[in-house]
Amino acid sequence: MNPQAKLISISSLLLGTTITISSNHWMMAWTGLEINTLAILPLISKPHHPRAIEAATKYFLVQAAASTLLLFSSTSNALFTGQWDITQLTHPTSCLLLTTAISIKLGLVPFH
């Protein structure tokens, strides 16, 4: 991989992580998670082998589904409570959907 491309990928990973950790709004947290997803894809498919491309495609599809679930959770929480703030997650359905989305993004046991 080109050194500049690798530098951009790694700096994008750091930027996405920083945005996600420091956000107070659901949309900014989602933006940081998407930056991380898009930054890791070139690193996954780096070997240019069909299996690496297949793994990157599967990773992208699973992460896109988890991101959609996260957006749905934050939207339903905003609908029920009127708040987009991360600390105001009080509705049980929204909390369950968010927990599922984060579990998928992390690759926890039932979702690995």
PDB file of N, CA and C in Angstrom:
ATOM      1  N   MET A   1       0.843  -1.172   0.000  1.00  0.00           N
ATOM      2  CA  MET A   1       0.000   0.000   0.000  1.00  0.00           C
ATOM      3  C   MET A   1       0.891   1.239   0.000  1.00  0.00           C
ATOM      4  N   ASN A   2       0.443   2.226  -0.711  1.00  0.00           N
ATOM      5  CA  ASN A   2       1.146   3.489  -0.793  1.00  0.00           C
ATOM      6  C   ASN A   2       1.275   4.100   0.610  1.00  0.00           C
ATOM      7  N   PRO A   3       2.461   4.633   0.973  1.00  0.00           N
ATOM      8  CA  PRO A   3       2.616   5.191   2.331  1.00  0.00           C
ATOM      9  C   PRO A   3       1.641   6.339   2.626  1.00  0.00           C
ATOM     10  N   GLN A   4       1.339   7.146   1.621  1.00  0.00           N
ATOM     11  CA  GLN A   4       0.394   8.243   1.861  1.00  0.00           C
ATOM     12  C   GLN A   4      -1.023   7.712   2.086  1.00  0.00           C
ATOM     13  N   ALA A   5      -1.392   6.676   1.342  1.00  0.00           N
ATOM     14  CA  ALA A   5      -2.721   6.076   1.520  1.00  0.00           C
ATOM     15  C   ALA A   5      -2.832   5.423   2.892  1.00  0.00           C
ATOM     16  N   LYS A   6      -1.755   4.776   3.315  1.00  0.00           N
ATOM     17  CA  LYS A   6      -1.761   4.155   4.636  1.00  0.00           C
ATOM     18  C   LYS A   6      -1.850   5.221   5.728  1.00  0.00           C
ATOM     19  N   LEU A   7      -1.145   6.337   5.548  1.00  0.00           N
ATOM     20  CA  LEU A   7      -1.200   7.435   6.511  1.00  0.00           C
ATOM     21  C   LEU A   7      -2.616   8.028   6.584  1.00  0.00           C
ATOM     22  N   ILE A   8      -3.246   8.189   5.441  1.00  0.00           N
ATOM     23  CA  ILE A   8      -4.610   8.720   5.415  1.00  0.00           C
ATOM     24  C   ILE A   8      -5.578   7.751   6.087  1.00  0.00           C
ATOM     25  N   SER A   9      -5.415   6.449   5.839  1.00  0.00           N
ATOM     26  CA  SER A   9      -6.297   5.461   6.465  1.00  0.00           C
ATOM     27  C   SER A   9      -6.147   5.459   7.980  1.00  0.00           C
ATOM     28  N   ILE A  10      -4.926   5.481   8.447  1.00  0.00           N
ATOM     29  CA  ILE A  10      -4.694   5.451   9.893  1.00  0.00           C
ATOM     30  C   ILE A  10      -5.149   6.749  10.556  1.00  0.00           C
ATOM     31  N   SER A  11      -4.888   7.885   9.898  1.00  0.00           N
ATOM     32  CA  SER A  11      -5.356   9.149  10.475  1.00  0.00           C
ATOM     33  C   SER A  11      -6.889   9.232  10.446  1.00  0.00           C
ATOM     34  N   SER A  12      -7.522   8.632   9.436  1.00  0.00           N
ATOM     35  CA  SER A  12      -8.989   8.588   9.405  1.00  0.00           C
ATOM     36  C   SER A  12      -9.530   7.714  10.528  1.00  0.00           C
ATOM     37  N   LEU A  13      -8.847   6.623  10.824  1.00  0.00           N
ATOM     38  CA  LEU A  13      -9.255   5.786  11.957  1.00  0.00           C
ATOM     39  C   LEU A  13      -9.181   6.564  13.261  1.00  0.00           C
ATOM     40  N   LEU A  14      -8.105   7.301  13.448  1.00  0.00           N
ATOM     41  CA  LEU A  14      -7.963   8.101  14.663  1.00  0.00           C
ATOM     42  C   LEU A  14      -9.003   9.214  14.723  1.00  0.00           C
ATOM     43  N   LEU A  15      -9.265   9.864  13.587  1.00  0.00           N
ATOM     44  CA  LEU A  15     -10.265  10.922  13.536  1.00  0.00           C
ATOM     45  C   LEU A  15     -11.655  10.381  13.847  1.00  0.00           C
ATOM     46  N   GLY A  16     -12.023   9.252  13.236  1.00  0.00           N
ATOM     47  CA  GLY A  16     -13.336   8.660  13.484  1.00  0.00           C
ATOM     48  C   GLY A  16     -13.521   8.245  14.927  1.00  0.00           C
ATOM     49  N   THR A  17     -12.479   7.674  15.521  1.00  0.00           N
ATOM     50  CA  THR A  17     -12.553   7.274  16.923  1.00  0.00           C
ATOM     51  C   THR A  17     -12.696   8.491  17.826  1.00  0.00           C
ATOM     52  N   THR A  18     -11.942   9.537  17.529  1.00  0.00           N
ATOM     53  CA  THR A  18     -12.022  10.760  18.326  1.00  0.00           C
ATOM     54  C   THR A  18     -13.403  11.403  18.222  1.00  0.00           C
ATOM     55  N   ILE A  19     -13.952  11.449  17.027  1.00  0.00           N
ATOM     56  CA  ILE A  19     -15.285  12.025  16.841  1.00  0.00           C
ATOM     57  C   ILE A  19     -16.326  11.223  17.599  1.00  0.00           C
ATOM     58  N   THR A  20     -16.235   9.899  17.522  1.00  0.00           N
ATOM     59  CA  THR A  20     -17.217   9.051  18.201  1.00  0.00           C
ATOM     60  C   THR A  20     -17.142   9.210  19.716  1.00  0.00           C
ATOM     61  N   ILE A  21     -15.950   9.236  20.242  1.00  0.00           N
ATOM     62  CA  ILE A  21     -15.793   9.331  21.695  1.00  0.00           C
ATOM     63  C   ILE A  21     -16.231  10.689  22.225  1.00  0.00           C
ATOM     64  N   SER A  22     -15.965  11.747  21.485  1.00  0.00           N
ATOM     65  CA  SER A  22     -16.230  13.090  22.003  1.00  0.00           C
ATOM     66  C   SER A  22     -17.598  13.647  21.613  1.00  0.00           C
ATOM     67  N   SER A  23     -18.437  12.865  20.991  1.00  0.00           N
ATOM     68  CA  SER A  23     -19.720  13.401  20.520  1.00  0.00           C
ATOM     69  C   SER A  23     -20.785  13.357  21.608  1.00  0.00           C
ATOM     70  N   ASN A  24     -21.682  14.331  21.550  1.00  0.00           N
ATOM     71  CA  ASN A  24     -22.845  14.382  22.428  1.00  0.00           C
ATOM     72  C   ASN A  24     -24.128  14.154  21.656  1.00  0.00           C
ATOM     73  N   HIS A  25     -24.037  14.119  20.359  1.00  0.00           N
ATOM     74  CA  HIS A  25     -25.192  14.016  19.478  1.00  0.00           C
ATOM     75  C   HIS A  25     -25.109  12.689  18.727  1.00  0.00           C
ATOM     76  N   TRP A  26     -26.250  12.039  18.515  1.00  0.00           N
ATOM     77  CA  TRP A  26     -26.254  10.733  17.859  1.00  0.00           C
ATOM     78  C   TRP A  26     -25.705  10.785  16.445  1.00  0.00           C
ATOM     79  N   MET A  27     -25.980  11.862  15.728  1.00  0.00           N
ATOM     80  CA  MET A  27     -25.514  11.948  14.339  1.00  0.00           C
ATOM     81  C   MET A  27     -23.991  12.064  14.266  1.00  0.00           C
ATOM     82  N   MET A  28     -23.386  12.749  15.208  1.00  0.00           N
ATOM     83  CA  MET A  28     -21.925  12.848  15.220  1.00  0.00           C
ATOM     84  C   MET A  28     -21.293  11.507  15.605  1.00  0.00           C
ATOM     85  N   ALA A  29     -21.922  10.788  16.521  1.00  0.00           N
ATOM     86  CA  ALA A  29     -21.408   9.457  16.872  1.00  0.00           C
ATOM     87  C   ALA A  29     -21.501   8.532  15.665  1.00  0.00           C
ATOM     88  N   TRP A  30     -22.600   8.604  14.939  1.00  0.00           N
ATOM     89  CA  TRP A  30     -22.765   7.793  13.734  1.00  0.00           C
ATOM     90  C   TRP A  30     -21.742   8.183  12.674  1.00  0.00           C
ATOM     91  N   THR A  31     -21.482   9.474  12.530  1.00  0.00           N
ATOM     92  CA  THR A  31     -20.489   9.941  11.561  1.00  0.00           C
ATOM     93  C   THR A  31     -19.107   9.378  11.882  1.00  0.00           C
ATOM     94  N   GLY A  32     -18.733   9.401  13.142  1.00  0.00           N
ATOM     95  CA  GLY A  32     -17.439   8.843  13.537  1.00  0.00           C
ATOM     96  C   GLY A  32     -17.351   7.348  13.277  1.00  0.00           C
ATOM     97  N   LEU A  33     -18.423   6.624  13.542  1.00  0.00           N
ATOM     98  CA  LEU A  33     -18.435   5.184  13.269  1.00  0.00           C
ATOM     99  C   LEU A  33     -18.334   4.894  11.771  1.00  0.00           C
ATOM    100  N   GLU A  34     -18.981   5.712  10.954  1.00  0.00           N
ATOM    101  CA  GLU A  34     -18.902   5.524   9.499  1.00  0.00           C
ATOM    102  C   GLU A  34     -17.513   5.861   8.964  1.00  0.00           C
ATOM    103  N   ILE A  35     -16.875   6.865   9.524  1.00  0.00           N
ATOM    104  CA  ILE A  35     -15.503   7.176   9.119  1.00  0.00           C
ATOM    105  C   ILE A  35     -14.598   5.996   9.432  1.00  0.00           C
ATOM    106  N   ASN A  36     -14.790   5.385  10.603  1.00  0.00           N
ATOM    107  CA  ASN A  36     -14.003   4.200  10.953  1.00  0.00           C
ATOM    108  C   ASN A  36     -14.260   3.046   9.992  1.00  0.00           C
ATOM    109  N   THR A  37     -15.514   2.823   9.643  1.00  0.00           N
ATOM    110  CA  THR A  37     -15.850   1.734   8.720  1.00  0.00           C
ATOM    111  C   THR A  37     -15.195   1.949   7.363  1.00  0.00           C
ATOM    112  N   LEU A  38     -15.294   3.165   6.845  1.00  0.00           N
ATOM    113  CA  LEU A  38     -14.724   3.440   5.524  1.00  0.00           C
ATOM    114  C   LEU A  38     -13.206   3.476   5.543  1.00  0.00           C
ATOM    115  N   ALA A  39     -12.606   3.776   6.691  1.00  0.00           N
ATOM    116  CA  ALA A  39     -11.146   3.812   6.772  1.00  0.00           C
ATOM    117  C   ALA A  39     -10.544   2.413   6.875  1.00  0.00           C
ATOM    118  N   ILE A  40     -11.276   1.479   7.448  1.00  0.00           N
ATOM    119  CA  ILE A  40     -10.729   0.131   7.627  1.00  0.00           C
ATOM    120  C   ILE A  40     -10.886  -0.729   6.379  1.00  0.00           C
ATOM    121  N   LEU A  41     -11.820  -0.388   5.503  1.00  0.00           N
ATOM    122  CA  LEU A  41     -12.054  -1.206   4.305  1.00  0.00           C
ATOM    123  C   LEU A  41     -10.822  -1.358   3.412  1.00  0.00           C
ATOM    124  N   PRO A  42     -10.065  -0.297   3.115  1.00  0.00           N
ATOM    125  CA  PRO A  42      -8.858  -0.513   2.302  1.00  0.00           C
ATOM    126  C   PRO A  42      -7.810  -1.377   2.998  1.00  0.00           C
ATOM    127  N   LEU A  43      -7.764  -1.293   4.319  1.00  0.00           N
ATOM    128  CA  LEU A  43      -6.798  -2.119   5.044  1.00  0.00           C
ATOM    129  C   LEU A  43      -7.194  -3.590   5.025  1.00  0.00           C
ATOM    130  N   ILE A  44      -8.503  -3.873   5.026  1.00  0.00           N
ATOM    131  CA  ILE A  44      -8.968  -5.259   4.947  1.00  0.00           C
ATOM    132  C   ILE A  44      -8.690  -5.843   3.562  1.00  0.00           C
ATOM    133  N   SER A  45      -8.948  -5.070   2.528  1.00  0.00           N
ATOM    134  CA  SER A  45      -8.814  -5.589   1.165  1.00  0.00           C
ATOM    135  C   SER A  45      -7.422  -5.349   0.584  1.00  0.00           C
ATOM    136  N   LYS A  46      -6.449  -5.028   1.400  1.00  0.00           N
ATOM    137  CA  LYS A  46      -5.093  -4.723   0.950  1.00  0.00           C
ATOM    138  C   LYS A  46      -4.414  -5.872   0.190  1.00  0.00           C
ATOM    139  N   PRO A  47      -4.524  -7.127   0.601  1.00  0.00           N
ATOM    140  CA  PRO A  47      -3.791  -8.187  -0.102  1.00  0.00           C
ATOM    141  C   PRO A  47      -4.234  -8.425  -1.547  1.00  0.00           C
ATOM    142  N   HIS A  48      -5.329  -7.859  -2.006  1.00  0.00           N
ATOM    143  CA  HIS A  48      -5.854  -8.020  -3.370  1.00  0.00           C
ATOM    144  C   HIS A  48      -6.038  -9.493  -3.741  1.00  0.00           C
ATOM    145  N   HIS A  49      -6.603 -10.207  -2.811  1.00  0.00           N
ATOM    146  CA  HIS A  49      -6.935 -11.608  -3.009  1.00  0.00           C
ATOM    147  C   HIS A  49      -8.462 -11.688  -3.003  1.00  0.00           C
ATOM    148  N   PRO A  50      -9.043 -12.602  -3.777  1.00  0.00           N
ATOM    149  CA  PRO A  50     -10.514 -12.678  -3.792  1.00  0.00           C
ATOM    150  C   PRO A  50     -11.139 -12.860  -2.409  1.00  0.00           C
ATOM    151  N   ARG A  51     -10.480 -13.589  -1.538  1.00  0.00           N
ATOM    152  CA  ARG A  51     -11.031 -13.777  -0.194  1.00  0.00           C
ATOM    153  C   ARG A  51     -10.979 -12.484   0.620  1.00  0.00           C
ATOM    154  N   ALA A  52      -9.945 -11.675   0.399  1.00  0.00           N
ATOM    155  CA  ALA A  52      -9.858 -10.393   1.099  1.00  0.00           C
ATOM    156  C   ALA A  52     -10.943  -9.443   0.610  1.00  0.00           C
ATOM    157  N   ILE A  53     -11.207  -9.451  -0.682  1.00  0.00           N
ATOM    158  CA  ILE A  53     -12.270  -8.605  -1.230  1.00  0.00           C
ATOM    159  C   ILE A  53     -13.629  -9.075  -0.711  1.00  0.00           C
ATOM    160  N   GLU A  54     -13.810 -10.394  -0.644  1.00  0.00           N
ATOM    161  CA  GLU A  54     -15.063 -10.943  -0.117  1.00  0.00           C
ATOM    162  C   GLU A  54     -15.242 -10.570   1.354  1.00  0.00           C
ATOM    163  N   ALA A  55     -14.169 -10.645   2.133  1.00  0.00           N
ATOM    164  CA  ALA A  55     -14.238 -10.283   3.548  1.00  0.00           C
ATOM    165  C   ALA A  55     -14.567  -8.804   3.708  1.00  0.00           C
ATOM    166  N   ALA A  56     -13.971  -7.952   2.882  1.00  0.00           N
ATOM    167  CA  ALA A  56     -14.261  -6.517   2.962  1.00  0.00           C
ATOM    168  C   ALA A  56     -15.705  -6.223   2.587  1.00  0.00           C
ATOM    169  N   THR A  57     -16.220  -6.927   1.590  1.00  0.00           N
ATOM    170  CA  THR A  57     -17.614  -6.726   1.185  1.00  0.00           C
ATOM    171  C   THR A  57     -18.568  -7.163   2.293  1.00  0.00           C
ATOM    172  N   LYS A  58     -18.311  -8.324   2.887  1.00  0.00           N
ATOM    173  CA  LYS A  58     -19.159  -8.799   3.981  1.00  0.00           C
ATOM    174  C   LYS A  58     -19.079  -7.854   5.179  1.00  0.00           C
ATOM    175  N   TYR A  59     -17.878  -7.387   5.490  1.00  0.00           N
ATOM    176  CA  TYR A  59     -17.702  -6.447   6.593  1.00  0.00           C
ATOM    177  C   TYR A  59     -18.509  -5.174   6.336  1.00  0.00           C
ATOM    178  N   PHE A  60     -18.443  -4.660   5.117  1.00  0.00           N
ATOM    179  CA  PHE A  60     -19.163  -3.438   4.781  1.00  0.00           C
ATOM    180  C   PHE A  60     -20.670  -3.636   4.908  1.00  0.00           C
ATOM    181  N   LEU A  61     -21.186  -4.752   4.412  1.00  0.00           N
ATOM    182  CA  LEU A  61     -22.630  -4.992   4.472  1.00  0.00           C
ATOM    183  C   LEU A  61     -23.134  -5.123   5.911  1.00  0.00           C
ATOM    184  N   VAL A  62     -22.387  -5.827   6.735  1.00  0.00           N
ATOM    185  CA  VAL A  62     -22.784  -5.988   8.135  1.00  0.00           C
ATOM    186  C   VAL A  62     -22.718  -4.648   8.860  1.00  0.00           C
ATOM    187  N   GLN A  63     -21.657  -3.881   8.611  1.00  0.00           N
ATOM    188  CA  GLN A  63     -21.524  -2.580   9.264  1.00  0.00           C
ATOM    189  C   GLN A  63     -22.594  -1.596   8.781  1.00  0.00           C
ATOM    190  N   ALA A  64     -22.971  -1.677   7.518  1.00  0.00           N
ATOM    191  CA  ALA A  64     -24.031  -0.807   7.005  1.00  0.00           C
ATOM    192  C   ALA A  64     -25.370  -1.149   7.654  1.00  0.00           C
ATOM    193  N   ALA A  65     -25.634  -2.434   7.843  1.00  0.00           N
ATOM    194  CA  ALA A  65     -26.870  -2.841   8.520  1.00  0.00           C
ATOM    195  C   ALA A  65     -26.871  -2.367   9.977  1.00  0.00           C
ATOM    196  N   ALA A  66     -25.736  -2.480  10.645  1.00  0.00           N
ATOM    197  CA  ALA A  66     -25.644  -2.015  12.030  1.00  0.00           C
ATOM    198  C   ALA A  66     -25.794  -0.496  12.109  1.00  0.00           C
ATOM    199  N   SER A  67     -25.257   0.217  11.146  1.00  0.00           N
ATOM    200  CA  SER A  67     -25.405   1.673  11.124  1.00  0.00           C
ATOM    201  C   SER A  67     -26.853   2.075  10.905  1.00  0.00           C
ATOM    202  N   THR A  68     -27.542   1.347  10.054  1.00  0.00           N
ATOM    203  CA  THR A  68     -28.958   1.620   9.837  1.00  0.00           C
ATOM    204  C   THR A  68     -29.749   1.381  11.123  1.00  0.00           C
ATOM    205  N   LEU A  69     -29.433   0.327  11.824  1.00  0.00           N
ATOM    206  CA  LEU A  69     -30.099   0.037  13.088  1.00  0.00           C
ATOM    207  C   LEU A  69     -29.793   1.114  14.130  1.00  0.00           C
ATOM    208  N   LEU A  70     -28.569   1.612  14.143  1.00  0.00           N
ATOM    209  CA  LEU A  70     -28.194   2.673  15.068  1.00  0.00           C
ATOM    210  C   LEU A  70     -28.954   3.961  14.758  1.00  0.00           C
ATOM    211  N   LEU A  71     -29.068   4.294  13.482  1.00  0.00           N
ATOM    212  CA  LEU A  71     -29.831   5.484  13.098  1.00  0.00           C
ATOM    213  C   LEU A  71     -31.309   5.328  13.437  1.00  0.00           C
ATOM    214  N   PHE A  72     -31.848   4.133  13.227  1.00  0.00           N
ATOM    215  CA  PHE A  72     -33.248   3.890  13.579  1.00  0.00           C
ATOM    216  C   PHE A  72     -33.452   4.008  15.085  1.00  0.00           C
ATOM    217  N   SER A  73     -32.505   3.514  15.857  1.00  0.00           N
ATOM    218  CA  SER A  73     -32.594   3.611  17.310  1.00  0.00           C
ATOM    219  C   SER A  73     -32.569   5.062  17.768  1.00  0.00           C
ATOM    220  N   SER A  74     -31.662   5.846  17.220  1.00  0.00           N
ATOM    221  CA  SER A  74     -31.586   7.253  17.630  1.00  0.00           C
ATOM    222  C   SER A  74     -32.809   8.039  17.170  1.00  0.00           C
ATOM    223  N   THR A  75     -33.330   7.703  15.992  1.00  0.00           N
ATOM    224  CA  THR A  75     -34.531   8.378  15.508  1.00  0.00           C
ATOM    225  C   THR A  75     -35.744   8.019  16.360  1.00  0.00           C
ATOM    226  N   SER A  76     -35.884   6.748  16.717  1.00  0.00           N
ATOM    227  CA  SER A  76     -37.019   6.359  17.558  1.00  0.00           C
ATOM    228  C   SER A  76     -36.891   6.958  18.953  1.00  0.00           C
ATOM    229  N   ASN A  77     -35.668   7.074  19.461  1.00  0.00           N
ATOM    230  CA  ASN A  77     -35.478   7.728  20.756  1.00  0.00           C
ATOM    231  C   ASN A  77     -35.867   9.205  20.670  1.00  0.00           C
ATOM    232  N   ALA A  78     -35.501   9.862  19.581  1.00  0.00           N
ATOM    233  CA  ALA A  78     -35.880  11.264  19.401  1.00  0.00           C
ATOM    234  C   ALA A  78     -37.388  11.402  19.245  1.00  0.00           C
ATOM    235  N   LEU A  79     -38.018  10.432  18.623  1.00  0.00           N
ATOM    236  CA  LEU A  79     -39.470  10.466  18.468  1.00  0.00           C
ATOM    237  C   LEU A  79     -40.181  10.323  19.812  1.00  0.00           C
ATOM    238  N   PHE A  80     -39.704   9.394  20.642  1.00  0.00           N
ATOM    239  CA  PHE A  80     -40.367   9.129  21.920  1.00  0.00           C
ATOM    240  C   PHE A  80     -40.021  10.157  22.994  1.00  0.00           C
ATOM    241  N   THR A  81     -38.766  10.636  23.019  1.00  0.00           N
ATOM    242  CA  THR A  81     -38.347  11.533  24.105  1.00  0.00           C
ATOM    243  C   THR A  81     -38.159  12.975  23.656  1.00  0.00           C
ATOM    244  N   GLY A  82     -37.977  13.215  22.371  1.00  0.00           N
ATOM    245  CA  GLY A  82     -37.740  14.568  21.881  1.00  0.00           C
ATOM    246  C   GLY A  82     -36.295  15.014  22.029  1.00  0.00           C
ATOM    247  N   GLN A  83     -35.394  14.097  22.357  1.00  0.00           N
ATOM    248  CA  GLN A  83     -33.982  14.436  22.582  1.00  0.00           C
ATOM    249  C   GLN A  83     -33.081  13.654  21.635  1.00  0.00           C
ATOM    250  N   TRP A  84     -32.082  14.339  21.054  1.00  0.00           N
ATOM    251  CA  TRP A  84     -31.066  13.683  20.241  1.00  0.00           C
ATOM    252  C   TRP A  84     -29.781  13.482  21.036  1.00  0.00           C
ATOM    253  N   ASP A  85     -29.787  13.876  22.282  1.00  0.00           N
ATOM    254  CA  ASP A  85     -28.605  13.793  23.120  1.00  0.00           C
ATOM    255  C   ASP A  85     -28.324  12.337  23.492  1.00  0.00           C
ATOM    256  N   ILE A  86     -27.068  11.968  23.508  1.00  0.00           N
ATOM    257  CA  ILE A  86     -26.681  10.586  23.805  1.00  0.00           C
ATOM    258  C   ILE A  86     -27.048  10.204  25.238  1.00  0.00           C
ATOM    259  N   THR A  87     -26.975  11.142  26.153  1.00  0.00           N
ATOM    260  CA  THR A  87     -27.234  10.826  27.557  1.00  0.00           C
ATOM    261  C   THR A  87     -28.717  10.676  27.868  1.00  0.00           C
ATOM    262  N   GLN A  88     -29.587  10.993  26.925  1.00  0.00           N
ATOM    263  CA  GLN A  88     -31.033  10.929  27.159  1.00  0.00           C
ATOM    264  C   GLN A  88     -31.682   9.698  26.536  1.00  0.00           C
ATOM    265  N   LEU A  89     -30.991   8.578  26.544  1.00  0.00           N
ATOM    266  CA  LEU A  89     -31.541   7.339  26.001  1.00  0.00           C
ATOM    267  C   LEU A  89     -32.366   6.665  27.092  1.00  0.00           C
ATOM    268  N   THR A  90     -33.661   6.951  27.101  1.00  0.00           N
ATOM    269  CA  THR A  90     -34.510   6.449  28.186  1.00  0.00           C
ATOM    270  C   THR A  90     -35.578   5.479  27.718  1.00  0.00           C
ATOM    271  N   HIS A  91     -35.907   5.469  26.450  1.00  0.00           N
ATOM    272  CA  HIS A  91     -36.963   4.579  25.978  1.00  0.00           C
ATOM    273  C   HIS A  91     -36.409   3.160  25.852  1.00  0.00           C
ATOM    274  N   PRO A  92     -37.106   2.143  26.386  1.00  0.00           N
ATOM    275  CA  PRO A  92     -36.552   0.784  26.396  1.00  0.00           C
ATOM    276  C   PRO A  92     -36.344   0.185  25.005  1.00  0.00           C
ATOM    277  N   THR A  93     -37.234   0.461  24.056  1.00  0.00           N
ATOM    278  CA  THR A  93     -37.067  -0.085  22.710  1.00  0.00           C
ATOM    279  C   THR A  93     -35.841   0.514  22.042  1.00  0.00           C
ATOM    280  N   SER A  94     -35.654   1.808  22.197  1.00  0.00           N
ATOM    281  CA  SER A  94     -34.489   2.474  21.623  1.00  0.00           C
ATOM    282  C   SER A  94     -33.202   1.955  22.248  1.00  0.00           C
ATOM    283  N   CYS A  95     -33.246   1.725  23.540  1.00  0.00           N
ATOM    284  CA  CYS A  95     -32.070   1.208  24.241  1.00  0.00           C
ATOM    285  C   CYS A  95     -31.713  -0.196  23.752  1.00  0.00           C
ATOM    286  N   LEU A  96     -32.715  -1.040  23.547  1.00  0.00           N
ATOM    287  CA  LEU A  96     -32.481  -2.391  23.044  1.00  0.00           C
ATOM    288  C   LEU A  96     -31.922  -2.363  21.624  1.00  0.00           C
ATOM    289  N   LEU A  97     -32.488  -1.508  20.774  1.00  0.00           N
ATOM    290  CA  LEU A  97     -31.992  -1.399  19.397  1.00  0.00           C
ATOM    291  C   LEU A  97     -30.566  -0.870  19.361  1.00  0.00           C
ATOM    292  N   LEU A  98     -30.274   0.110  20.211  1.00  0.00           N
ATOM    293  CA  LEU A  98     -28.915   0.650  20.254  1.00  0.00           C
ATOM    294  C   LEU A  98     -27.924  -0.395  20.748  1.00  0.00           C
ATOM    295  N   THR A  99     -28.308  -1.139  21.763  1.00  0.00           N
ATOM    296  CA  THR A  99     -27.430  -2.194  22.272  1.00  0.00           C
ATOM    297  C   THR A  99     -27.154  -3.244  21.197  1.00  0.00           C
ATOM    298  N   THR A 100     -28.174  -3.599  20.447  1.00  0.00           N
ATOM    299  CA  THR A 100     -28.001  -4.558  19.352  1.00  0.00           C
ATOM    300  C   THR A 100     -27.083  -3.989  18.271  1.00  0.00           C
ATOM    301  N   ALA A 101     -27.282  -2.727  17.905  1.00  0.00           N
ATOM    302  CA  ALA A 101     -26.456  -2.111  16.867  1.00  0.00           C
ATOM    303  C   ALA A 101     -24.995  -2.027  17.288  1.00  0.00           C
ATOM    304  N   ILE A 102     -24.745  -1.620  18.520  1.00  0.00           N
ATOM    305  CA  ILE A 102     -23.365  -1.533  19.008  1.00  0.00           C
ATOM    306  C   ILE A 102     -22.751  -2.927  19.109  1.00  0.00           C
ATOM    307  N   SER A 103     -23.550  -3.914  19.498  1.00  0.00           N
ATOM    308  CA  SER A 103     -23.042  -5.289  19.564  1.00  0.00           C
ATOM    309  C   SER A 103     -22.647  -5.794  18.182  1.00  0.00           C
ATOM    310  N   ILE A 104     -23.435  -5.485  17.181  1.00  0.00           N
ATOM    311  CA  ILE A 104     -23.095  -5.885  15.812  1.00  0.00           C
ATOM    312  C   ILE A 104     -21.835  -5.169  15.367  1.00  0.00           C
ATOM    313  N   LYS A 105     -21.723  -3.880  15.643  1.00  0.00           N
ATOM    314  CA  LYS A 105     -20.545  -3.124  15.232  1.00  0.00           C
ATOM    315  C   LYS A 105     -19.283  -3.629  15.923  1.00  0.00           C
ATOM    316  N   LEU A 106     -19.423  -4.050  17.170  1.00  0.00           N
ATOM    317  CA  LEU A 106     -18.270  -4.580  17.893  1.00  0.00           C
ATOM    318  C   LEU A 106     -17.975  -6.031  17.560  1.00  0.00           C
ATOM    319  N   GLY A 107     -18.949  -6.720  16.993  1.00  0.00           N
ATOM    320  CA  GLY A 107     -18.771  -8.132  16.673  1.00  0.00           C
ATOM    321  C   GLY A 107     -18.845  -9.021  17.891  1.00  0.00           C
ATOM    322  N   LEU A 108     -19.733  -8.689  18.827  1.00  0.00           N
ATOM    323  CA  LEU A 108     -19.869  -9.508  20.035  1.00  0.00           C
ATOM    324  C   LEU A 108     -20.464 -10.873  19.686  1.00  0.00           C
ATOM    325  N   VAL A 109     -20.463 -11.755  20.629  1.00  0.00           N
ATOM    326  CA  VAL A 109     -20.665 -13.179  20.415  1.00  0.00           C
ATOM    327  C   VAL A 109     -21.838 -13.578  19.512  1.00  0.00           C
ATOM    328  N   PRO A 110     -23.059 -13.164  19.724  1.00  0.00           N
ATOM    329  CA  PRO A 110     -24.055 -13.693  18.782  1.00  0.00           C
ATOM    330  C   PRO A 110     -23.941 -13.087  17.387  1.00  0.00           C
ATOM    331  N   PHE A 111     -23.221 -11.998  17.246  1.00  0.00           N
ATOM    332  CA  PHE A 111     -23.139 -11.295  15.974  1.00  0.00           C
ATOM    333  C   PHE A 111     -21.791 -11.450  15.278  1.00  0.00           C
ATOM    334  N   HIS A 112     -20.924 -12.282  15.791  1.00  0.00           N
ATOM    335  CA  HIS A 112     -19.609 -12.423  15.168  1.00  0.00           C
ATOM    336  C   HIS A 112     -19.730 -13.290  13.937  1.00  0.00           C
TER     337      HIS A 112
END
